[in-house]
Amino acid sequence: MSRKTLFAASATFEAARRLDGLDAGHRSRRLHGHGFLASVRCDLPAGWARFAGGEVDRLRDTLQSCVAQLDYGLLNEHVPEPTNESLARWVRARLDMPEVEQVDIQSTPREGVSLDEAGNAHVWRRYVFQSAHRLPNVPMGHKCGRIHGHGFEAVVHVNRSAGGHHRSIDHARLDELWAPLHGELNYACLNDLPGLSNPTSEILSSWIWQRLEPQLPELSWVTVYETASCGASFDGKRYRIWKEFTLDSAVRLKGAPEEHPLRRLHGHTYTLRLHLSAPLDEVMGWTVDFGDVKQIFGPIFDALDHQPLYEIDDLADCDTATIAAWIFEQARGRLPQLDRVDLYETRGCGAIVCADKLGPALPV
């Protein structure tokens, strides 16, 4: 099975802007500011960093140097119309990087844009709704068979490059289209809604897709967060789920030079996401049970969490890419639906090992 490794980094900057292309009276025409997050994912060649295992640090420093020009400045002095998309394209043009597969700009926790390898801009917007549900087809005794609730989140991604719409109206248009769905979903029992008699995250993501896509043919995918650590995505054809874990582990890099800090004993609180893809079970309404993923992955989790990773015999080194590849190989034998592992040592900085296309860009 072929697979590839991508390296990821993020950097923040604080900046002010005016969006003069918006309609008269729009509040964002006024001078305002954000704490922006820029992120990049690259397929780096061997030898790009000073040493194997130094890729994440160098990538983070490269991105930070790029956005430093924008920090505590007026974005209009650098970018004529500094929308999130324009900022992502500005960053992409100035990154002297091989094989950049994705550049993201997040202006608030609610909204951002992902610029893919082909240059398509996928605008996204996050929505929250408070709902109850139960899964009627689970085995007797399964906790999800009981009526319970979640603070759900939905992230709607739109390929702005495919639609021909003026960039300035994207978020307002999404809000307008989302409003009737919010009225149905918020403070409701999902099982009572037509088409949601078995409201798993997968079915909910496709239910939202079916209601938005006729009015929004540029729709890229819909992501539903059932909790902060698990959810599902639907792109009109297939479903994907992810389950997130936190690992508190000690590491040191054997491949780092003697004088380098990464050679010393240190540690991270890692964010680990397992991504799985499988056909929808027509009875259960899910691809894989989140609880099963947690249970099956449990022995691997226990080998990593609150452990010195440099003592694992078959782990070649403790850089994030090597750890992610080790997790992929160990978990794939137990979870054949697994096709991607994300491992972040700090926010947005780490490595992605995938056997398929990158898929939905979850906000970091």
Protein backbone atom coordinates (compact mmCIF):
# COMPACT_ATOMS: atom_id res chain seq x y z
CA MET A 1 0.00 0.00 0.00
CA SER A 2 1.42 3.38 -1.00
CA ARG A 3 1.41 6.22 1.45
CA LYS A 4 2.91 9.66 1.75
CA THR A 5 3.97 11.94 4.56
CA LEU A 6 3.09 15.62 4.70
CA PHE A 7 4.59 18.08 7.14
CA ALA A 8 2.40 20.75 8.72
CA ALA A 9 3.07 24.04 10.47
CA SER A 10 1.06 26.99 11.75
CA ALA A 11 1.88 30.54 12.76
CA THR A 12 -0.18 33.37 14.21
CA PHE A 13 -0.22 37.06 13.44
CA GLU A 14 -2.24 40.02 14.71
CA ALA A 15 -3.34 42.47 12.07
CA ALA A 16 -5.93 45.07 11.08
CA ARG A 17 -7.78 45.31 7.78
CA ARG A 18 -10.59 46.94 5.84
CA LEU A 19 -12.56 45.04 3.21
CA ASP A 20 -13.53 47.81 0.82
CA GLY A 21 -15.09 45.43 -1.70
CA LEU A 22 -18.01 44.68 0.58
CA ASP A 23 -21.40 46.27 0.21
CA ALA A 24 -21.81 49.77 1.60
CA GLY A 25 -22.69 49.65 5.29
CA HIS A 26 -21.10 46.24 5.89
CA ARG A 27 -19.26 46.35 9.22
CA SER A 28 -16.11 44.77 7.77
CA ARG A 29 -15.62 47.83 5.56
CA ARG A 30 -14.60 49.56 8.79
CA LEU A 31 -11.11 49.20 10.17
CA HIS A 32 -11.02 46.08 12.36
CA GLY A 33 -8.60 43.34 13.35
CA HIS A 34 -8.15 39.63 14.05
CA GLY A 35 -5.76 37.17 15.56
CA PHE A 36 -5.08 35.22 12.35
CA LEU A 37 -3.77 31.67 12.08
CA ALA A 38 -1.84 30.68 8.96
CA SER A 39 -1.20 26.99 8.26
CA VAL A 40 0.69 25.10 5.58
CA ARG A 41 1.05 21.45 4.58
CA CYS A 42 3.94 20.31 2.39
CA ASP A 43 5.30 17.15 0.80
CA LEU A 44 8.94 17.85 1.65
CA PRO A 45 11.82 16.07 -0.10
CA ALA A 46 14.46 14.18 1.87
CA GLY A 47 17.29 16.44 2.93
CA TRP A 48 15.19 19.62 2.98
CA ALA A 49 15.84 20.14 6.69
CA ARG A 50 19.24 20.21 8.34
CA PHE A 51 18.63 16.71 9.70
CA ALA A 52 15.93 14.04 9.46
CA GLY A 53 13.38 14.99 12.10
CA GLY A 54 14.02 18.73 11.82
CA GLU A 55 11.35 19.34 9.17
CA VAL A 56 8.58 20.56 11.47
CA ASP A 57 10.82 23.12 13.20
CA ARG A 58 12.18 24.48 9.92
CA LEU A 59 8.72 24.60 8.32
CA ARG A 60 7.30 26.48 11.31
CA ASP A 61 10.19 28.97 11.23
CA THR A 62 9.76 29.48 7.48
CA LEU A 63 6.05 30.19 7.81
CA GLN A 64 6.57 32.44 10.84
CA SER A 65 9.14 34.51 8.92
CA CYS A 66 6.68 34.87 6.05
CA VAL A 67 3.75 36.15 8.12
CA ALA A 68 6.00 38.31 10.33
CA GLN A 69 5.69 40.96 7.62
CA LEU A 70 1.96 41.16 8.42
CA ASP A 71 2.14 41.03 12.21
CA TYR A 72 0.78 44.14 13.94
CA GLY A 73 0.29 45.87 10.62
CA LEU A 74 -2.43 47.06 8.29
CA LEU A 75 -3.05 44.26 5.80
CA ASN A 76 -4.31 46.65 3.12
CA GLU A 77 -0.72 47.93 2.80
CA HIS A 78 0.36 44.45 1.66
CA VAL A 79 -2.73 43.00 -0.03
CA PRO A 80 -5.13 45.27 -1.99
CA GLU A 81 -8.29 43.50 -0.77
CA PRO A 82 -7.15 41.39 2.22
CA THR A 83 -9.88 38.75 2.39
CA ASN A 84 -8.93 35.39 3.88
CA GLU A 85 -8.55 33.98 0.38
CA SER A 86 -6.31 36.83 -0.75
CA LEU A 87 -4.15 36.40 2.34
CA ALA A 88 -3.82 32.65 1.67
CA ARG A 89 -2.72 33.37 -1.90
CA TRP A 90 -0.29 36.05 -0.66
CA VAL A 91 1.29 33.58 1.77
CA ARG A 92 1.46 30.85 -0.89
CA ALA A 93 3.21 33.15 -3.35
CA ARG A 94 5.86 34.13 -0.81
CA LEU A 95 6.64 30.71 0.62
CA ASP A 96 9.84 29.45 -0.95
CA MET A 97 8.73 25.88 -0.38
CA PRO A 98 8.66 22.67 -2.41
CA GLU A 99 5.40 20.80 -2.96
CA VAL A 100 2.96 22.98 -0.99
CA GLU A 101 -0.31 21.04 -0.88
CA GLN A 102 -2.41 23.34 1.26
CA VAL A 103 -2.38 26.84 2.73
CA ASP A 104 -5.02 27.87 5.26
CA ILE A 105 -5.97 31.21 6.76
CA GLN A 106 -8.28 31.25 9.77
CA SER A 107 -9.42 34.71 10.82
CA THR A 108 -11.69 33.58 13.67
CA PRO A 109 -12.62 30.19 15.15
CA ARG A 110 -15.78 30.40 13.03
CA GLU A 111 -14.35 30.99 9.56
CA GLY A 112 -11.43 30.60 7.24
CA VAL A 113 -10.28 29.39 3.85
CA SER A 114 -8.23 26.42 2.60
CA LEU A 115 -6.23 26.82 -0.59
CA ASP A 116 -5.66 23.39 -2.11
CA GLU A 117 -2.83 22.13 -4.32
CA ALA A 118 -4.71 23.11 -7.49
CA GLY A 119 -5.27 26.64 -6.19
CA ASN A 120 -8.97 26.19 -5.41
CA ALA A 121 -10.17 28.22 -2.44
CA HIS A 122 -12.45 26.30 -0.09
CA VAL A 123 -14.17 28.83 2.14
CA TRP A 124 -15.49 27.38 5.38
CA ARG A 125 -17.86 28.52 8.09
CA ARG A 126 -18.57 26.86 11.46
CA TYR A 127 -22.07 26.62 12.97
CA VAL A 128 -23.18 25.39 16.39
CA PHE A 129 -26.50 23.82 17.39
CA GLN A 130 -27.71 22.18 20.58
CA SER A 131 -29.64 18.97 19.97
CA ALA A 132 -30.78 15.70 21.51
CA HIS A 133 -30.72 12.35 19.74
CA ARG A 134 -30.58 8.60 20.14
CA LEU A 135 -29.39 5.85 17.83
CA PRO A 136 -32.26 3.34 17.56
CA ASN A 137 -30.37 0.49 15.88
CA VAL A 138 -27.43 0.04 18.25
CA PRO A 139 -27.18 -3.16 20.32
CA MET A 140 -29.06 -3.30 23.61
CA GLY A 141 -27.03 -1.64 26.35
CA HIS A 142 -25.07 0.66 23.98
CA LYS A 143 -25.00 4.11 25.60
CA CYS A 144 -25.97 5.84 22.35
CA GLY A 145 -29.27 3.96 22.37
CA ARG A 146 -30.36 6.17 25.25
CA ILE A 147 -31.69 9.65 24.57
CA HIS A 148 -28.83 12.09 25.11
CA GLY A 149 -27.52 15.30 23.60
CA HIS A 150 -24.56 17.17 22.18
CA GLY A 151 -23.41 20.64 21.38
CA PHE A 152 -22.99 19.78 17.71
CA GLU A 153 -20.87 21.77 15.31
CA ALA A 154 -21.12 21.77 11.53
CA VAL A 155 -18.40 23.11 9.26
CA VAL A 156 -19.59 23.93 5.75
CA HIS A 157 -16.87 24.06 3.06
CA VAL A 158 -17.51 25.71 -0.30
CA ASN A 159 -15.21 25.68 -3.34
CA ARG A 160 -15.40 29.38 -4.13
CA SER A 161 -13.27 28.85 -7.23
CA ALA A 162 -16.06 26.73 -8.76
CA GLY A 163 -18.96 29.07 -8.22
CA GLY A 164 -18.21 32.37 -9.86
CA HIS A 165 -19.59 34.28 -6.90
CA HIS A 166 -17.99 37.46 -5.65
CA ARG A 167 -15.67 36.54 -2.81
CA SER A 168 -17.04 39.18 -0.48
CA ILE A 169 -20.48 37.59 -0.15
CA ASP A 170 -19.41 34.02 0.62
CA HIS A 171 -19.88 34.04 4.38
CA ALA A 172 -23.05 36.13 4.27
CA ARG A 173 -24.47 33.77 1.68
CA LEU A 174 -23.59 30.73 3.77
CA ASP A 175 -25.23 32.30 6.81
CA GLU A 176 -28.38 32.96 4.80
CA LEU A 177 -28.54 29.36 3.57
CA TRP A 178 -27.75 27.92 6.99
CA ALA A 179 -30.41 29.92 8.87
CA PRO A 180 -33.38 27.62 8.05
CA LEU A 181 -31.35 24.54 8.96
CA HIS A 182 -30.37 26.11 12.26
CA GLY A 183 -34.04 26.72 12.95
CA GLU A 184 -34.73 23.00 12.51
CA LEU A 185 -31.69 21.60 14.32
CA ASN A 186 -31.15 23.93 17.27
CA TYR A 187 -32.94 23.00 20.52
CA ALA A 188 -34.55 19.99 18.86
CA CYS A 189 -34.53 16.21 19.03
CA LEU A 190 -32.92 15.12 15.77
CA ASN A 191 -34.89 11.86 15.64
CA ASP A 192 -38.08 13.91 15.20
CA LEU A 193 -36.88 15.52 11.96
CA PRO A 194 -37.78 13.92 8.60
CA GLY A 195 -34.83 11.91 7.32
CA LEU A 196 -33.09 11.75 10.72
CA SER A 197 -34.75 8.79 12.37
CA ASN A 198 -31.23 7.35 12.85
CA PRO A 199 -29.16 10.52 13.37
CA THR A 200 -25.57 9.31 13.38
CA SER A 201 -22.87 11.88 12.57
CA GLU A 202 -22.53 10.37 9.10
CA ILE A 203 -26.24 10.57 8.30
CA LEU A 204 -26.46 14.07 9.77
CA SER A 205 -23.58 15.24 7.55
CA SER A 206 -25.30 13.89 4.41
CA TRP A 207 -28.69 15.28 5.58
CA ILE A 208 -27.14 18.76 5.77
CA TRP A 209 -25.46 18.21 2.37
CA GLN A 210 -28.75 17.25 0.72
CA ARG A 211 -30.40 20.44 1.94
CA LEU A 212 -27.59 22.82 1.04
CA GLU A 213 -26.27 21.42 -2.25
CA PRO A 214 -29.29 22.24 -4.48
CA GLN A 215 -28.84 25.91 -3.60
CA LEU A 216 -25.07 25.69 -3.27
CA PRO A 217 -23.58 23.54 -6.07
CA GLU A 218 -20.10 24.74 -5.07
CA LEU A 219 -20.40 22.78 -1.81
CA SER A 220 -17.15 20.85 -1.17
CA TRP A 221 -18.02 18.90 1.95
CA VAL A 222 -19.92 19.05 5.22
CA THR A 223 -18.24 18.15 8.48
CA VAL A 224 -20.18 17.38 11.67
CA TYR A 225 -18.51 17.43 15.06
CA GLU A 226 -20.52 15.22 17.39
CA THR A 227 -18.08 16.03 20.18
CA ALA A 228 -14.81 17.93 20.21
CA SER A 229 -12.95 14.67 19.57
CA CYS A 230 -14.99 12.85 16.92
CA GLY A 231 -17.13 13.47 13.89
CA ALA A 232 -17.88 12.72 10.26
CA SER A 233 -17.56 14.35 6.83
CA PHE A 234 -19.52 13.87 3.61
CA ASP A 235 -18.52 15.15 0.17
CA GLY A 236 -21.59 14.06 -1.76
CA LYS A 237 -20.15 10.62 -2.52
CA ARG A 238 -18.39 9.14 0.46
CA TYR A 239 -18.19 9.36 4.21
CA ARG A 240 -15.14 9.81 6.39
CA ILE A 241 -14.92 9.83 10.18
CA TRP A 242 -12.19 10.79 12.60
CA LYS A 243 -11.45 10.10 16.24
CA GLU A 244 -9.11 12.36 18.19
CA PHE A 245 -6.84 11.48 21.10
CA THR A 246 -4.41 13.37 23.33
CA LEU A 247 -1.03 11.83 24.09
CA ASP A 248 1.35 13.05 26.79
CA SER A 249 4.68 11.54 25.85
CA ALA A 250 8.41 11.99 26.41
CA VAL A 251 10.76 12.06 23.42
CA ARG A 252 14.28 12.78 22.28
CA LEU A 253 15.61 12.72 18.74
CA LYS A 254 18.53 10.43 18.04
CA GLY A 255 18.95 11.97 14.60
CA ALA A 256 19.39 15.53 15.87
CA PRO A 257 22.92 16.97 16.17
CA GLU A 258 24.54 16.73 19.60
CA GLU A 259 24.08 20.44 20.38
CA HIS A 260 20.45 20.67 19.18
CA PRO A 261 17.62 21.06 21.75
CA LEU A 262 15.64 18.23 20.12
CA ARG A 263 18.39 15.85 21.12
CA ARG A 264 17.62 16.53 24.78
CA LEU A 265 14.89 14.73 26.69
CA HIS A 266 11.67 16.69 26.31
CA GLY A 267 7.99 16.04 25.65
CA HIS A 268 4.75 17.12 24.04
CA THR A 269 1.02 16.95 24.54
CA TYR A 270 0.30 15.53 21.11
CA THR A 271 -3.01 15.81 19.28
CA LEU A 272 -3.62 12.60 17.32
CA ARG A 273 -6.41 12.18 14.78
CA LEU A 274 -7.26 8.85 13.22
CA HIS A 275 -9.19 9.19 9.94
CA LEU A 276 -11.21 6.26 8.61
CA SER A 277 -13.17 5.74 5.41
CA ALA A 278 -15.66 2.94 4.76
CA PRO A 279 -19.06 2.37 3.15
CA LEU A 280 -22.05 3.32 5.24
CA ASP A 281 -23.64 0.44 7.12
CA GLU A 282 -27.26 0.72 6.00
CA VAL A 283 -28.63 -0.62 9.29
CA MET A 284 -26.34 1.07 11.82
CA GLY A 285 -26.06 4.30 9.87
CA TRP A 286 -22.34 4.64 10.51
CA THR A 287 -19.08 3.66 8.84
CA VAL A 288 -17.35 2.59 12.06
CA ASP A 289 -18.55 2.98 15.64
CA PHE A 290 -16.51 5.67 17.41
CA GLY A 291 -16.56 3.50 20.52
CA ASP A 292 -15.11 0.57 18.59
CA VAL A 293 -12.31 2.77 17.24
CA LYS A 294 -11.42 3.85 20.77
CA GLN A 295 -11.48 0.29 22.10
CA ILE A 296 -9.51 -1.26 19.23
CA PHE A 297 -6.91 1.51 19.30
CA GLY A 298 -6.65 1.28 23.10
CA PRO A 299 -3.52 -0.94 23.33
CA ILE A 300 -1.62 1.33 20.93
CA PHE A 301 -2.76 4.40 22.86
CA ASP A 302 -1.53 2.83 26.11
CA ALA A 303 1.87 2.16 24.55
CA LEU A 304 2.21 5.89 23.73
CA ASP A 305 0.43 7.89 26.41
CA HIS A 306 2.49 8.87 29.48
CA GLN A 307 5.38 6.87 28.07
CA PRO A 308 9.00 7.51 26.99
CA LEU A 309 8.64 6.90 23.26
CA TYR A 310 12.39 6.53 22.75
CA GLU A 311 12.15 3.18 24.56
CA ILE A 312 9.84 1.62 21.93
CA ASP A 313 12.04 -0.98 20.25
CA ASP A 314 10.73 -0.72 16.70
CA LEU A 315 10.33 3.09 16.65
CA ALA A 316 13.32 4.33 14.62
CA ASP A 317 13.27 7.83 16.14
CA CYS A 318 10.95 10.21 17.98
CA ASP A 319 10.35 12.90 15.37
CA THR A 320 6.67 13.46 14.70
CA ALA A 321 6.68 12.01 11.18
CA THR A 322 8.30 8.77 12.34
CA ILE A 323 5.86 8.45 15.24
CA ALA A 324 2.88 9.12 12.92
CA ALA A 325 4.12 6.46 10.47
CA TRP A 326 4.58 3.98 13.33
CA ILE A 327 1.03 4.65 14.55
CA PHE A 328 -0.30 4.23 11.00
CA GLU A 329 1.36 0.83 10.61
CA GLN A 330 0.36 -0.40 14.06
CA ALA A 331 -3.26 0.77 13.78
CA ARG A 332 -3.85 -0.24 10.17
CA GLY A 333 -3.62 -3.92 11.07
CA ARG A 334 -6.39 -3.51 13.64
CA LEU A 335 -8.43 -0.85 11.83
CA PRO A 336 -8.31 -1.63 8.08
CA GLN A 337 -10.58 1.37 7.42
CA LEU A 338 -7.78 3.70 8.57
CA ASP A 339 -6.35 5.78 5.73
CA ARG A 340 -4.80 8.77 7.49
CA VAL A 341 -3.05 9.73 10.72
CA ASP A 342 -2.54 13.35 11.83
CA LEU A 343 -0.09 13.95 14.68
CA TYR A 344 0.50 17.48 15.98
CA GLU A 345 3.14 18.24 18.59
CA THR A 346 1.84 21.80 19.00
CA ARG A 347 -1.15 23.53 17.42
CA GLY A 348 -1.08 22.81 13.70
CA CYS A 349 2.59 21.72 13.73
CA GLY A 350 3.32 18.08 13.00
CA ALA A 351 2.99 15.41 10.35
CA ILE A 352 0.26 13.67 8.35
CA VAL A 353 0.61 10.15 7.02
CA CYS A 354 -2.05 9.28 4.47
CA ALA A 355 -2.86 6.49 2.04
CA ASP A 356 -5.44 8.51 0.13
CA LYS A 357 -6.03 12.10 -0.92
CA LEU A 358 -5.79 14.60 1.90
CA GLY A 359 -9.53 15.05 2.29
CA PRO A 360 -11.35 17.63 4.42
CA ALA A 361 -9.22 20.26 6.09
CA LEU A 362 -10.40 20.29 9.68
CA PRO A 363 -9.73 23.60 11.43
CA VAL A 364 -6.76 23.32 13.82
